[in-house]
């Protein structure tokens, strides 16, 4: 087995290219944090899509159940009373 790790020697941030060897530990730490946050945001976005799809599906099922069970909505009240 060969090691396919590729060393990164520079990073693009805010439209500028920086050499990794020139970055301070605090900049490196925060860049790593940004990368982790981007991954976490992507995961949350996927989770949101899944939950929205489930919500839509369940809502459609409730609508169908109400129709199948012949449940009538309450009559609307007049604005005066």
N, C-alpha and C. Protein backbone atom coordinates (compact mmCIF):
# COMPACT_ATOMS: atom_id res chain seq x y z
N UNK A 1 0.82 -1.17 0.00
CA UNK A 1 0.00 0.00 0.00
C UNK A 1 0.87 1.24 0.00
N UNK A 2 0.51 2.19 -0.81
CA UNK A 2 1.28 3.43 -0.82
C UNK A 2 0.51 4.51 -0.08
N UNK A 3 1.25 5.43 0.51
CA UNK A 3 0.65 6.54 1.25
C UNK A 3 0.31 7.64 0.25
N UNK A 4 -1.00 7.91 0.08
CA UNK A 4 -1.44 8.91 -0.90
C UNK A 4 -1.64 10.29 -0.29
N UNK A 5 -1.10 10.52 0.91
CA UNK A 5 -1.24 11.83 1.52
C UNK A 5 -0.47 12.86 0.70
N UNK A 6 -1.15 13.98 0.48
CA UNK A 6 -0.51 15.05 -0.27
C UNK A 6 -0.28 16.21 0.67
N UNK A 7 0.93 16.69 0.74
CA UNK A 7 1.27 17.81 1.60
C UNK A 7 0.80 19.11 0.96
N UNK A 8 0.16 19.93 1.76
CA UNK A 8 -0.28 21.24 1.31
C UNK A 8 0.79 22.25 1.71
N UNK A 9 1.25 23.03 0.74
CA UNK A 9 2.29 24.00 1.05
C UNK A 9 1.79 25.44 1.08
N UNK A 10 0.55 25.65 0.60
CA UNK A 10 -0.01 26.99 0.63
C UNK A 10 -1.52 26.92 0.77
N UNK A 11 -2.08 28.06 1.16
CA UNK A 11 -3.52 28.15 1.34
C UNK A 11 -4.00 29.48 0.75
N UNK A 12 -5.20 29.43 0.16
CA UNK A 12 -5.81 30.64 -0.35
C UNK A 12 -6.85 31.10 0.66
N UNK A 13 -6.68 32.31 1.16
CA UNK A 13 -7.64 32.87 2.10
C UNK A 13 -7.93 34.31 1.71
N UNK A 14 -9.22 34.60 1.59
CA UNK A 14 -9.66 35.96 1.30
C UNK A 14 -9.05 36.49 -0.01
N UNK A 15 -8.88 35.57 -0.97
CA UNK A 15 -8.36 35.96 -2.28
C UNK A 15 -6.84 36.10 -2.36
N UNK A 16 -6.17 35.76 -1.27
CA UNK A 16 -4.70 35.84 -1.24
C UNK A 16 -4.12 34.47 -0.96
N UNK A 17 -2.96 34.20 -1.54
CA UNK A 17 -2.27 32.93 -1.35
C UNK A 17 -1.20 33.10 -0.27
N UNK A 18 -1.16 32.17 0.69
CA UNK A 18 -0.18 32.23 1.78
C UNK A 18 0.54 30.89 1.88
N UNK A 19 1.85 30.94 2.11
CA UNK A 19 2.63 29.73 2.36
C UNK A 19 2.35 29.25 3.78
N UNK A 20 2.11 27.97 3.93
CA UNK A 20 1.83 27.40 5.24
C UNK A 20 2.99 27.67 6.20
N UNK A 21 4.20 27.57 5.71
CA UNK A 21 5.37 27.74 6.60
C UNK A 21 5.47 29.16 7.16
N UNK A 22 4.77 30.12 6.54
CA UNK A 22 4.82 31.50 7.02
C UNK A 22 3.70 31.83 8.01
N UNK A 23 2.77 30.91 8.20
CA UNK A 23 1.63 31.18 9.06
C UNK A 23 1.97 30.90 10.52
N UNK A 24 1.42 31.72 11.39
CA UNK A 24 1.64 31.53 12.82
C UNK A 24 0.71 30.43 13.33
N UNK A 25 1.03 29.87 14.50
CA UNK A 25 0.17 28.81 15.05
C UNK A 25 -1.29 29.25 15.22
N UNK A 26 -1.52 30.48 15.65
CA UNK A 26 -2.91 30.90 15.84
C UNK A 26 -3.66 31.02 14.52
N UNK A 27 -2.96 31.44 13.46
CA UNK A 27 -3.60 31.50 12.14
C UNK A 27 -3.91 30.10 11.65
N UNK A 28 -2.97 29.18 11.80
CA UNK A 28 -3.18 27.79 11.40
C UNK A 28 -4.35 27.17 12.18
N UNK A 29 -4.40 27.42 13.48
CA UNK A 29 -5.49 26.89 14.30
C UNK A 29 -6.84 27.40 13.82
N UNK A 30 -6.91 28.67 13.52
CA UNK A 30 -8.18 29.25 13.08
C UNK A 30 -8.56 28.82 11.66
N UNK A 31 -7.57 28.63 10.81
CA UNK A 31 -7.87 28.10 9.48
C UNK A 31 -8.41 26.68 9.58
N UNK A 32 -7.81 25.88 10.45
CA UNK A 32 -8.31 24.52 10.68
C UNK A 32 -9.73 24.55 11.24
N UNK A 33 -9.99 25.49 12.14
CA UNK A 33 -11.32 25.64 12.69
C UNK A 33 -12.32 26.02 11.60
N UNK A 34 -11.94 26.93 10.71
CA UNK A 34 -12.80 27.30 9.60
C UNK A 34 -13.13 26.11 8.71
N UNK A 35 -12.14 25.29 8.43
CA UNK A 35 -12.36 24.10 7.60
C UNK A 35 -13.33 23.15 8.28
N UNK A 36 -13.16 22.94 9.59
CA UNK A 36 -14.07 22.06 10.34
C UNK A 36 -15.47 22.64 10.37
N UNK A 37 -15.59 23.95 10.55
CA UNK A 37 -16.90 24.59 10.56
C UNK A 37 -17.60 24.46 9.22
N UNK A 38 -16.85 24.60 8.14
CA UNK A 38 -17.45 24.45 6.81
C UNK A 38 -18.00 23.04 6.63
N UNK A 39 -17.27 22.05 7.11
CA UNK A 39 -17.74 20.67 7.05
C UNK A 39 -18.99 20.47 7.89
N UNK A 40 -18.98 21.05 9.10
CA UNK A 40 -20.14 20.93 9.99
C UNK A 40 -21.36 21.61 9.38
N UNK A 41 -21.17 22.76 8.76
CA UNK A 41 -22.27 23.48 8.12
C UNK A 41 -22.83 22.65 6.97
N UNK A 42 -21.97 22.02 6.21
CA UNK A 42 -22.43 21.17 5.11
C UNK A 42 -23.26 20.00 5.65
N UNK A 43 -22.83 19.41 6.77
CA UNK A 43 -23.59 18.31 7.38
C UNK A 43 -24.95 18.79 7.87
N UNK A 44 -24.99 19.96 8.48
CA UNK A 44 -26.25 20.52 8.97
C UNK A 44 -27.18 20.81 7.79
N UNK A 45 -26.62 21.30 6.69
CA UNK A 45 -27.42 21.58 5.51
C UNK A 45 -28.07 20.31 4.96
N UNK A 46 -27.32 19.22 4.94
CA UNK A 46 -27.86 17.94 4.48
C UNK A 46 -28.94 17.46 5.45
N UNK A 47 -28.68 17.57 6.75
CA UNK A 47 -29.65 17.17 7.75
C UNK A 47 -30.94 17.99 7.63
N UNK A 48 -30.81 19.28 7.37
CA UNK A 48 -31.98 20.13 7.19
C UNK A 48 -32.80 19.68 5.98
N UNK A 49 -32.13 19.38 4.88
CA UNK A 49 -32.83 18.90 3.67
C UNK A 49 -33.59 17.61 3.96
N UNK A 50 -32.97 16.70 4.68
CA UNK A 50 -33.61 15.44 5.02
C UNK A 50 -34.85 15.69 5.88
N UNK A 51 -34.71 16.55 6.88
CA UNK A 51 -35.84 16.84 7.77
C UNK A 51 -36.95 17.59 7.04
N UNK A 52 -36.60 18.49 6.13
CA UNK A 52 -37.62 19.19 5.35
C UNK A 52 -38.37 18.22 4.45
N UNK A 53 -37.65 17.28 3.86
CA UNK A 53 -38.30 16.26 3.01
C UNK A 53 -39.23 15.40 3.84
N UNK A 54 -38.79 15.01 5.02
CA UNK A 54 -39.63 14.20 5.90
C UNK A 54 -40.87 14.99 6.33
N UNK A 55 -40.68 16.26 6.63
CA UNK A 55 -41.80 17.10 7.03
C UNK A 55 -42.83 17.20 5.91
N UNK A 56 -42.38 17.39 4.69
CA UNK A 56 -43.27 17.47 3.55
C UNK A 56 -44.03 16.15 3.36
N UNK A 57 -43.32 15.05 3.47
CA UNK A 57 -43.94 13.72 3.31
C UNK A 57 -45.00 13.48 4.39
N UNK A 58 -44.66 13.76 5.64
CA UNK A 58 -45.61 13.55 6.74
C UNK A 58 -46.82 14.47 6.58
N UNK A 59 -46.59 15.70 6.16
CA UNK A 59 -47.69 16.63 5.94
C UNK A 59 -48.65 16.11 4.87
N UNK A 60 -48.10 15.56 3.80
CA UNK A 60 -48.93 14.97 2.74
C UNK A 60 -49.71 13.76 3.26
N UNK A 61 -49.08 12.97 4.12
CA UNK A 61 -49.78 11.82 4.71
C UNK A 61 -50.93 12.28 5.59
N UNK A 62 -50.71 13.31 6.40
CA UNK A 62 -51.78 13.83 7.26
C UNK A 62 -52.95 14.30 6.40
N UNK A 63 -52.64 15.02 5.32
CA UNK A 63 -53.68 15.49 4.41
C UNK A 63 -54.48 14.31 3.85
N UNK A 64 -53.78 13.27 3.43
CA UNK A 64 -54.44 12.08 2.88
C UNK A 64 -55.27 11.38 3.93
N UNK A 65 -54.76 11.26 5.16
CA UNK A 65 -55.50 10.61 6.24
C UNK A 65 -56.79 11.36 6.55
N UNK A 66 -56.71 12.70 6.59
CA UNK A 66 -57.90 13.51 6.86
C UNK A 66 -58.95 13.26 5.79
N UNK A 67 -58.51 13.20 4.52
CA UNK A 67 -59.46 12.93 3.43
C UNK A 67 -60.02 11.51 3.54
N UNK A 68 -59.16 10.52 3.77
CA UNK A 68 -59.60 9.12 3.86
C UNK A 68 -60.56 8.92 5.02
N UNK A 69 -60.30 9.59 6.15
CA UNK A 69 -61.14 9.44 7.33
C UNK A 69 -62.35 10.36 7.30
N UNK A 70 -62.47 11.12 6.21
CA UNK A 70 -63.62 12.01 5.99
C UNK A 70 -63.83 12.98 7.15
N UNK A 71 -62.74 13.59 7.59
CA UNK A 71 -62.81 14.58 8.67
C UNK A 71 -63.03 15.95 8.05
N UNK A 72 -64.06 16.61 8.52
CA UNK A 72 -64.40 17.93 8.00
C UNK A 72 -63.77 19.01 8.89
N UNK A 73 -63.32 20.08 8.27
CA UNK A 73 -62.78 21.18 9.08
C UNK A 73 -63.90 21.91 9.81
N UNK A 74 -63.57 22.60 10.89
CA UNK A 74 -64.55 23.42 11.59
C UNK A 74 -65.02 24.54 10.68
N UNK A 75 -66.28 24.90 10.78
CA UNK A 75 -66.75 26.01 9.94
C UNK A 75 -66.04 27.31 10.35
N UNK A 76 -65.81 28.15 9.36
CA UNK A 76 -65.16 29.43 9.63
C UNK A 76 -66.12 30.36 10.33
N UNK A 77 -65.60 31.09 11.30
CA UNK A 77 -66.43 32.04 12.03
C UNK A 77 -66.48 33.36 11.28
N UNK A 78 -67.58 34.08 11.45
CA UNK A 78 -67.69 35.42 10.86
C UNK A 78 -66.72 36.35 11.59
N UNK A 79 -66.28 37.39 10.90
CA UNK A 79 -65.38 38.35 11.51
C UNK A 79 -66.07 39.14 12.62
N UNK A 80 -67.39 39.23 12.58
CA UNK A 80 -68.14 40.01 13.58
C UNK A 80 -68.28 39.24 14.90
N UNK A 81 -68.21 37.96 14.85
CA UNK A 81 -68.56 37.27 16.07
C UNK A 81 -67.73 36.13 16.37
